[in-house]
Protein backbone atom coordinates (compact mmCIF):
# COMPACT_ATOMS: atom_id res chain seq x y z
CA UNK A 1 0.00 0.00 0.00
CA UNK A 2 1.55 3.28 -1.13
CA UNK A 3 1.04 6.10 1.36
CA UNK A 4 -0.80 9.12 -0.01
CA UNK A 5 1.92 11.68 0.64
CA UNK A 6 1.82 14.52 -1.88
CA UNK A 7 5.23 15.88 -0.85
CA UNK A 8 6.88 12.52 -1.43
CA UNK A 9 5.17 12.21 -4.81
CA UNK A 10 6.42 15.63 -5.90
CA UNK A 11 9.93 14.79 -4.71
CA UNK A 12 9.88 11.56 -6.72
CA UNK A 13 8.75 13.35 -9.89
CA UNK A 14 11.38 16.05 -9.41
CA UNK A 15 14.12 13.41 -9.19
CA UNK A 16 12.80 11.79 -12.38
CA UNK A 17 12.91 15.16 -14.16
CA UNK A 18 16.24 16.39 -12.82
CA UNK A 19 18.04 13.08 -12.17
CA UNK A 20 19.52 14.62 -9.06
CA UNK A 21 18.38 14.52 -5.42
CA UNK A 22 20.18 17.82 -4.84
CA UNK A 23 18.36 19.62 -7.65
CA UNK A 24 15.09 17.95 -6.63
CA UNK A 25 15.58 19.23 -3.08
CA UNK A 26 16.00 22.77 -4.41
CA UNK A 27 12.90 22.53 -6.58
CA UNK A 28 10.76 21.12 -3.79
CA UNK A 29 12.28 23.40 -1.14
CA UNK A 30 13.27 20.56 1.17
CA UNK A 31 16.61 19.24 2.37
CA UNK A 32 18.55 16.58 0.51
CA UNK A 33 18.18 14.13 3.43
CA UNK A 34 14.42 14.67 3.17
CA UNK A 35 14.59 13.67 -0.51
CA UNK A 36 16.59 10.57 0.35
CA UNK A 37 14.13 9.58 3.05
CA UNK A 38 11.15 10.15 0.76
CA UNK A 39 12.62 7.96 -1.99
CA UNK A 40 13.53 5.22 0.46
CA UNK A 41 9.98 5.18 1.85
CA UNK A 42 8.41 5.07 -1.62
CA UNK A 43 10.69 2.24 -2.68
CA UNK A 44 9.79 0.21 0.41
CA UNK A 45 6.10 0.68 -0.29
CA UNK A 46 6.51 0.02 -4.02
CA UNK A 47 8.28 -3.24 -3.27
CA UNK A 48 11.54 -2.53 -5.09
CA UNK A 49 13.98 0.02 -6.46
CA UNK A 50 12.51 2.93 -8.36
CA UNK A 51 15.87 4.36 -9.44
CA UNK A 52 19.25 3.14 -10.58
CA UNK A 53 21.82 5.20 -8.73
CA UNK A 54 24.63 5.95 -11.17
CA UNK A 55 27.58 8.29 -11.03
CA UNK A 56 25.93 10.55 -13.61
CA UNK A 57 22.55 10.66 -11.91
CA UNK A 58 19.39 8.86 -10.85
CA UNK A 59 17.57 6.98 -13.62
CA UNK A 60 14.15 5.32 -13.21
CA UNK A 61 14.05 1.54 -13.26
CA UNK A 62 11.28 -0.31 -15.11
CA UNK A 63 9.31 -0.20 -11.88
CA UNK A 64 10.11 3.50 -11.55
CA UNK A 65 8.76 4.21 -15.03
CA UNK A 66 5.51 2.42 -14.24
CA UNK A 67 5.28 4.43 -11.04
CA UNK A 68 6.03 7.70 -12.82
CA UNK A 69 3.40 7.41 -15.56
CA UNK A 70 0.45 7.06 -13.20
CA UNK A 71 1.82 9.36 -10.54
CA UNK A 72 2.44 12.19 -12.98
CA UNK A 73 -1.10 11.91 -14.33
CA UNK A 74 -2.46 12.00 -10.78
CA UNK A 75 -0.39 14.92 -9.56
CA UNK A 76 -0.79 17.00 -12.73
CA UNK A 77 -4.55 16.69 -12.38
CA UNK A 78 -4.55 17.37 -8.65
CA UNK A 79 -2.09 20.29 -8.69
CA UNK A 80 -3.98 22.01 -11.49
CA UNK A 81 -7.24 21.71 -9.54
CA UNK A 82 -5.61 22.93 -6.31
CA UNK A 83 -4.02 25.90 -8.08
CA UNK A 84 -7.38 26.77 -9.63
CA UNK A 85 -8.76 27.29 -6.13
CA UNK A 86 -5.60 28.95 -4.83
CA UNK A 87 -1.91 28.69 -5.89
CA UNK A 88 -1.03 28.27 -2.23
CA UNK A 89 -3.03 25.04 -1.94
CA UNK A 90 -0.80 23.26 -4.46
CA UNK A 91 2.02 23.71 -1.93
CA UNK A 92 0.28 23.29 1.42
CA UNK A 93 -2.61 20.84 0.95
CA UNK A 94 -2.09 17.36 2.38
CA UNK A 95 -3.69 14.10 1.32
CA UNK A 96 -5.60 13.90 4.62
CA UNK A 97 -7.05 17.37 4.06
CA UNK A 98 -8.06 16.55 0.51
CA UNK A 99 -9.69 13.30 1.61
CA UNK A 100 -11.66 15.27 4.19
CA UNK A 101 -12.75 17.68 1.47
CA UNK A 102 -13.97 14.79 -0.71
CA UNK A 103 -15.93 13.29 2.20
CA UNK A 104 -17.45 16.67 3.08
CA UNK A 105 -18.42 17.32 -0.54
CA UNK A 106 -20.32 14.04 -0.62
CA UNK A 107 -21.84 14.14 2.88
CA UNK A 108 -22.25 17.93 3.27
CA UNK A 109 -22.05 17.34 7.00
CA UNK A 110 -18.98 17.16 9.27
CA UNK A 111 -20.31 14.31 11.38
CA UNK A 112 -21.28 12.15 8.41
CA UNK A 113 -18.00 12.93 6.64
CA UNK A 114 -16.04 11.95 9.75
CA UNK A 115 -18.00 8.71 10.03
CA UNK A 116 -17.26 7.87 6.39
CA UNK A 117 -13.54 8.39 7.00
CA UNK A 118 -13.48 6.70 10.39
CA UNK A 119 -12.24 9.90 12.04
CA UNK A 120 -13.38 12.20 14.83
CA UNK A 121 -15.63 15.07 13.77
CA UNK A 122 -13.19 17.77 15.03
CA UNK A 123 -10.47 16.27 12.84
CA UNK A 124 -12.54 16.72 9.69
CA UNK A 125 -13.66 20.18 10.76
CA UNK A 126 -10.06 21.21 11.34
CA UNK A 127 -8.91 19.85 7.97
CA UNK A 128 -11.60 21.80 6.11
CA UNK A 129 -10.84 24.97 8.08
CA UNK A 130 -7.14 24.64 7.25
CA UNK A 131 -7.89 24.28 3.55
CA UNK A 132 -10.17 27.29 3.56
CA UNK A 133 -7.64 29.35 5.47
CA UNK A 134 -4.88 28.44 3.01
CA UNK A 135 -7.18 29.11 0.05
CA UNK A 136 -8.28 32.45 1.44
CA UNK A 137 -11.88 31.69 0.48
CA UNK A 138 -14.76 29.53 1.70
CA UNK A 139 -15.12 26.12 0.08
CA UNK A 140 -18.52 25.41 1.61
CA UNK A 141 -21.58 27.56 2.10
CA UNK A 142 -23.11 26.98 5.52
CA UNK A 143 -26.88 26.63 5.24
CA UNK A 144 -29.68 25.25 7.40
CA UNK A 145 -29.55 22.05 5.27
CA UNK A 146 -25.80 21.56 5.76
CA UNK A 147 -22.49 22.63 4.28
CA UNK A 148 -22.99 22.98 0.53
CA UNK A 149 -19.78 22.80 -1.55
CA UNK A 150 -19.02 25.72 -3.83
CA UNK A 151 -18.52 25.11 -7.53
CA UNK A 152 -14.74 25.37 -7.10
CA UNK A 153 -14.90 22.88 -4.26
CA UNK A 154 -16.87 20.36 -6.32
CA UNK A 155 -14.37 20.63 -9.17
CA UNK A 156 -11.48 20.12 -6.77
CA UNK A 157 -13.15 17.13 -5.12
CA UNK A 158 -13.76 15.45 -8.49
CA UNK A 159 -10.17 16.04 -9.61
CA UNK A 160 -8.89 14.69 -6.29
CA UNK A 161 -11.04 11.55 -6.55
CA UNK A 162 -9.63 10.87 -10.01
CA UNK A 163 -6.10 11.50 -8.73
CA UNK A 164 -6.55 9.02 -5.88
CA UNK A 165 -8.01 6.52 -8.34
CA UNK A 166 -4.91 6.94 -10.51
CA UNK A 167 -2.69 6.28 -7.50
CA UNK A 168 -4.60 3.06 -6.84
CA UNK A 169 -3.83 2.07 -10.41
CA UNK A 170 -0.12 2.53 -9.65
CA UNK A 171 -0.34 -0.35 -7.20
CA UNK A 172 -2.14 -2.48 -9.77
CA UNK A 173 0.48 -1.73 -12.44
CA UNK A 174 3.35 -2.63 -10.12
CA UNK A 175 1.67 -5.88 -9.09
CA UNK A 176 0.93 -6.69 -12.72
CA UNK A 177 4.61 -6.33 -13.51
CA UNK A 178 5.31 -9.02 -10.90
CA UNK A 179 2.63 -11.34 -12.28
CA UNK A 180 0.18 -10.74 -9.43
CA UNK A 181 -3.54 -9.97 -9.85
CA UNK A 182 -4.08 -6.85 -7.77
CA UNK A 183 -6.47 -3.94 -8.13
CA UNK A 184 -10.10 -3.81 -9.00
CA UNK A 185 -12.35 -3.48 -12.01
CA UNK A 186 -15.72 -1.80 -11.46
CA UNK A 187 -18.32 -2.10 -14.20
CA UNK A 188 -21.52 -0.09 -14.30
CA UNK A 189 -24.06 -2.37 -15.97
CA UNK A 190 -27.17 -0.95 -17.61
CA UNK A 191 -30.16 -3.32 -17.98
CA UNK A 192 -29.45 -4.78 -21.41
CA UNK A 193 -25.80 -5.56 -20.68
CA UNK A 194 -26.66 -7.58 -17.58
CA UNK A 195 -28.44 -10.23 -19.63
CA UNK A 196 -26.78 -10.09 -23.05
CA UNK A 197 -23.09 -9.16 -23.19
CA UNK A 198 -21.72 -8.97 -19.67
CA UNK A 199 -22.27 -12.60 -18.53
CA UNK A 200 -20.29 -13.91 -21.50
CA UNK A 201 -17.58 -11.27 -21.05
CA UNK A 202 -17.21 -12.08 -17.35
CA UNK A 203 -16.96 -15.80 -18.07
CA UNK A 204 -14.22 -15.16 -20.65
CA UNK A 205 -12.36 -12.84 -18.29
CA UNK A 206 -12.58 -15.18 -15.30
CA UNK A 207 -11.08 -18.00 -17.35
CA UNK A 208 -8.06 -15.77 -17.98
CA UNK A 209 -7.91 -14.03 -14.58
CA UNK A 210 -9.34 -16.35 -11.93
CA UNK A 211 -8.37 -14.16 -8.96
CA UNK A 212 -8.84 -10.62 -10.29
CA UNK A 213 -11.36 -8.63 -8.29
CA UNK A 214 -14.34 -7.56 -10.41
CA UNK A 215 -17.36 -5.63 -9.13
CA UNK A 216 -20.55 -5.14 -11.16
CA UNK A 217 -23.00 -2.48 -10.03
CA UNK A 218 -26.31 -1.31 -11.43
CA UNK A 219 -28.52 1.69 -10.95
CA UNK A 220 -29.78 4.75 -12.80
CA UNK A 221 -27.55 5.99 -15.60
CA UNK A 222 -27.10 9.40 -13.96
CA UNK A 223 -25.74 7.85 -10.77
CA UNK A 224 -23.34 5.60 -12.65
CA UNK A 225 -22.17 8.51 -14.79
CA UNK A 226 -21.31 10.41 -11.62
CA UNK A 227 -19.35 7.41 -10.35
CA UNK A 228 -17.55 7.09 -13.66
CA UNK A 229 -16.48 10.74 -13.72
CA UNK A 230 -15.04 10.60 -10.19
CA UNK A 231 -13.18 7.32 -10.73
CA UNK A 232 -15.40 5.05 -8.62
CA UNK A 233 -16.53 3.22 -11.79
CA UNK A 234 -14.15 2.23 -14.58
CA UNK A 235 -16.63 1.77 -17.42
CA UNK A 236 -20.36 1.67 -18.15
CA UNK A 237 -21.81 -0.96 -20.47
CA UNK A 238 -25.22 -0.50 -22.03
CA UNK A 239 -27.31 1.82 -24.19
CA UNK A 240 -25.38 4.87 -25.39
CA UNK A 241 -26.80 8.39 -25.31
CA UNK A 242 -27.60 10.24 -28.55
CA UNK A 243 -25.40 13.14 -27.47
CA UNK A 244 -22.67 13.12 -24.85
CA UNK A 245 -24.20 14.31 -21.57
CA UNK A 246 -20.81 15.73 -20.48
CA UNK A 247 -17.66 16.48 -22.49
CA UNK A 248 -15.20 14.40 -20.46
CA UNK A 249 -16.49 10.96 -21.50
CA UNK A 250 -16.32 8.90 -24.67
CA UNK A 251 -18.73 6.34 -26.10
CA UNK A 252 -17.77 3.26 -28.12
CA UNK A 253 -20.62 1.54 -30.02
CA UNK A 254 -20.46 -2.26 -29.99
CA UNK A 255 -23.71 -3.34 -31.66
CA UNK A 256 -27.26 -2.14 -32.28
CA UNK A 257 -30.49 -3.20 -30.66
CA UNK A 258 -34.18 -2.48 -31.21
CA UNK A 259 -37.23 -2.57 -28.98
CA UNK A 260 -39.92 -5.22 -29.11
CA UNK A 261 -43.47 -5.58 -27.78
CA UNK A 262 -44.04 -8.58 -25.51
CA UNK A 263 -46.98 -10.37 -23.93
CA UNK A 264 -47.70 -13.62 -22.11
CA UNK A 265 -48.47 -16.77 -24.10
CA UNK A 266 -52.23 -16.91 -24.55
CA UNK A 267 -52.64 -13.13 -24.46
CA UNK A 268 -55.62 -11.95 -26.59
CA UNK A 269 -53.18 -10.32 -29.01
CA UNK A 270 -50.78 -13.28 -29.22
CA UNK A 271 -50.77 -14.65 -32.75
CA UNK A 272 -52.42 -11.59 -34.27
CA UNK A 273 -50.72 -10.10 -37.35
CA UNK A 274 -49.79 -6.45 -37.86
CA UNK A 275 -51.58 -5.22 -34.73
CA UNK A 276 -52.61 -1.57 -35.24
CA UNK A 277 -51.13 1.02 -32.92
CA UNK A 278 -54.63 2.13 -31.93
CA UNK A 279 -55.28 -1.35 -30.54
CA UNK A 280 -51.97 -1.40 -28.66
CA UNK A 281 -52.75 1.99 -27.12
CA UNK A 282 -55.90 0.62 -25.47
CA UNK A 283 -53.93 -1.89 -23.43
CA UNK A 284 -52.02 -1.34 -20.18
CA UNK A 285 -48.22 -1.38 -20.48
CA UNK A 286 -45.09 -2.14 -18.50
CA UNK A 287 -42.24 -0.05 -19.92
CA UNK A 288 -38.72 1.12 -18.98
CA UNK A 289 -38.49 3.96 -16.48
CA UNK A 290 -38.40 7.61 -17.63
CA UNK A 291 -35.01 8.99 -18.57
CA UNK A 292 -33.84 5.89 -20.45
CA UNK A 293 -33.38 5.74 -24.25
CA UNK A 294 -35.94 2.92 -24.44
CA UNK A 295 -38.58 4.99 -22.66
CA UNK A 296 -37.87 7.98 -24.90
CA UNK A 297 -38.58 5.82 -27.96
CA UNK A 298 -41.76 4.44 -26.40
CA UNK A 299 -43.05 7.88 -25.40
CA UNK A 300 -42.40 9.23 -28.91
CA UNK A 301 -44.17 6.36 -30.66
CA UNK A 302 -47.80 7.38 -30.16
CA UNK A 303 -47.57 11.16 -30.77
CA UNK A 304 -45.55 10.50 -33.92
CA UNK A 305 -48.49 8.55 -35.34
CA UNK A 306 -51.17 10.87 -33.90
CA UNK A 307 -52.46 8.13 -31.60
CA UNK A 308 -53.45 8.93 -27.99
CA UNK A 309 -50.93 7.28 -25.66
CA UNK A 310 -51.93 4.51 -23.22
CA UNK A 311 -53.41 5.75 -19.96
CA UNK A 312 -52.14 2.80 -17.90
CA UNK A 313 -48.36 2.57 -17.64
CA UNK A 314 -46.19 0.72 -15.15
CA UNK A 315 -42.59 1.99 -14.96
CA UNK A 316 -40.43 -1.13 -14.90
CA UNK A 317 -36.71 -1.27 -15.63
CA UNK A 318 -36.14 -4.97 -14.92
CA UNK A 319 -36.86 -7.72 -17.45
CA UNK A 320 -37.34 -10.16 -14.56
CA UNK A 321 -40.04 -8.02 -12.97
CA UNK A 322 -41.61 -7.26 -16.34
CA UNK A 323 -41.72 -10.96 -17.19
CA UNK A 324 -43.46 -11.84 -13.95
CA UNK A 325 -46.00 -9.02 -14.32
CA UNK A 326 -46.76 -9.90 -17.94
CA UNK A 327 -47.16 -13.60 -17.14
CA UNK A 328 -49.80 -12.73 -14.53
CA UNK A 329 -51.82 -10.17 -16.53
CA UNK A 330 -52.79 -8.82 -19.93
CA UNK A 331 -50.24 -6.02 -19.75
CA UNK A 332 -48.01 -5.49 -22.75
CA UNK A 333 -44.29 -4.99 -22.32
CA UNK A 334 -41.88 -2.84 -24.28
CA UNK A 335 -38.22 -3.67 -23.82
CA UNK A 336 -35.01 -4.46 -25.69
CA UNK A 337 -35.37 -7.35 -28.13
CA UNK A 338 -31.98 -8.70 -27.05
CA UNK A 339 -32.84 -8.39 -23.38
CA UNK A 340 -36.03 -10.42 -23.84
CA UNK A 341 -34.47 -13.04 -26.12
CA UNK A 342 -34.12 -15.69 -23.39
CA UNK A 343 -37.72 -15.22 -22.21
CA UNK A 344 -39.03 -15.54 -25.78
CA UNK A 345 -36.79 -18.51 -26.59
CA UNK A 346 -37.91 -20.37 -23.46
CA UNK A 347 -41.60 -19.72 -24.14
CA UNK A 348 -42.16 -17.51 -21.11
CA UNK A 349 -43.15 -14.51 -23.26
CA UNK A 350 -44.12 -14.00 -26.90
CA UNK A 351 -43.09 -11.22 -29.23
CA UNK A 352 -46.11 -9.52 -30.81
CA UNK A 353 -46.33 -8.71 -34.52
CA UNK A 354 -46.86 -4.95 -34.43
CA UNK A 355 -45.19 -3.74 -37.59
CA UNK A 356 -43.57 -0.93 -35.59
CA UNK A 357 -40.33 0.22 -37.19
CA UNK A 358 -38.34 0.88 -34.04
CA UNK A 359 -35.14 2.88 -34.61
CA UNK A 360 -31.93 1.01 -33.80
CA UNK A 361 -30.21 1.94 -30.52
CA UNK A 362 -26.43 1.80 -30.17
CA UNK A 363 -25.19 -0.36 -27.30
CA UNK A 364 -21.63 0.02 -26.12
CA UNK A 365 -19.01 1.27 -23.69
CA UNK A 366 -18.86 4.60 -21.90
CA UNK A 367 -15.51 5.58 -20.36
CA UNK A 368 -13.68 8.70 -19.19
CA UNK A 369 -12.02 10.36 -22.16
CA UNK A 370 -8.60 10.41 -20.49
CA UNK A 371 -8.84 6.96 -18.88
CA UNK A 372 -5.71 4.81 -19.12
CA UNK A 373 -6.75 1.22 -18.31
CA UNK A 374 -4.51 -1.16 -16.43
CA UNK A 375 -3.55 -4.37 -18.21
CA UNK A 376 -6.36 -6.22 -16.43
CA UNK A 377 -8.90 -3.53 -17.31
CA UNK A 378 -7.74 -3.65 -20.92
CA UNK A 379 -8.24 -7.40 -20.92
CA UNK A 380 -11.77 -6.91 -19.62
CA UNK A 381 -12.47 -4.47 -22.45
CA UNK A 382 -11.23 -7.08 -24.94
CA UNK A 383 -13.55 -9.69 -23.42
CA UNK A 384 -16.53 -7.33 -23.63
CA UNK A 385 -15.80 -6.49 -27.27
CA UNK A 386 -15.45 -10.18 -28.13
CA UNK A 387 -18.75 -11.00 -26.41
CA UNK A 388 -20.46 -8.12 -28.24
CA UNK A 389 -19.25 -9.40 -31.62
CA UNK A 390 -21.13 -12.63 -30.94
CA UNK A 391 -24.47 -10.82 -30.51
CA UNK A 392 -26.91 -11.55 -33.32
CA UNK A 393 -30.05 -9.55 -34.16
CA UNK A 394 -33.01 -10.81 -32.09
């Protein structure tokens, strides 16, 4: 575990740049013994030498180069964000203070932030006060609802979260170089991916990396996008958005999907041909929740054809719940054709012949635009792409 010590990180990068502990000490305004101690501590925590000590200077080892790449990305991002708030913060802010700021930004309450960090409330309060004093400006607005972070504070907290995530990747890169499976992969799974692409991708990946830690989470797209942008989630797999919701992410299409209309076997409309939209509109529906691309297509369907929309709608984002509701009623379901493929194939639901020309929806990967995957994360991406290539139109 590499200690989060910003001063040591800056010393290390200065030695890489200048190849001299003496010059690095001058740049960082510390003593040469302090530089020596910092490097020794980092090398102990990194599990090996980071520099070759030669007569003509200090040169990074292979391990040192791995360490440098991630660390420079982390500190460049963090120092720029600190300087944006106040140039003084880039010199004085400690990792403990920045972690307190992140916790306060999320909790907006000193007690809850302290609980999240496992610290005493006065400790968090003092850390925030020290940051604000050094910045010469408030970072939180005190209201009756709590301490609300300023815009500058939110930007700093997000940059710091990404910097800490990058430092975690350092440990994974170093372990990878030794042949060990360390680090984590966190996948945000939207509904379609959980039943179509991701199971196959996970099976492929587990065969190659039996001990690598993988976490799959689900939830609303907006929540997962927030987690992605702050480094808590590595990638999102599922329906892509027509336009990028924020500029710091990228989308990679993998295949296309369309919607389908479903019902239980024996439904009055089962077996009918070219069911008119007017007839469909008179039935109750179970459809994806508002805010999803599928729901947007469903909501646009009836007005586009000048047909009054259904007046009985159940918001339902889960194919499992939709299946059970449809099997017990005469509701119609509208969901991804790929997502419902297993239910249709096993005879649990039937696909109705509606003649609706649903527009194709791109399904794919959403990542941070500047994300640099570890080797394990890159392997997971390869497994997802391979699983997506095997998808056939439903």
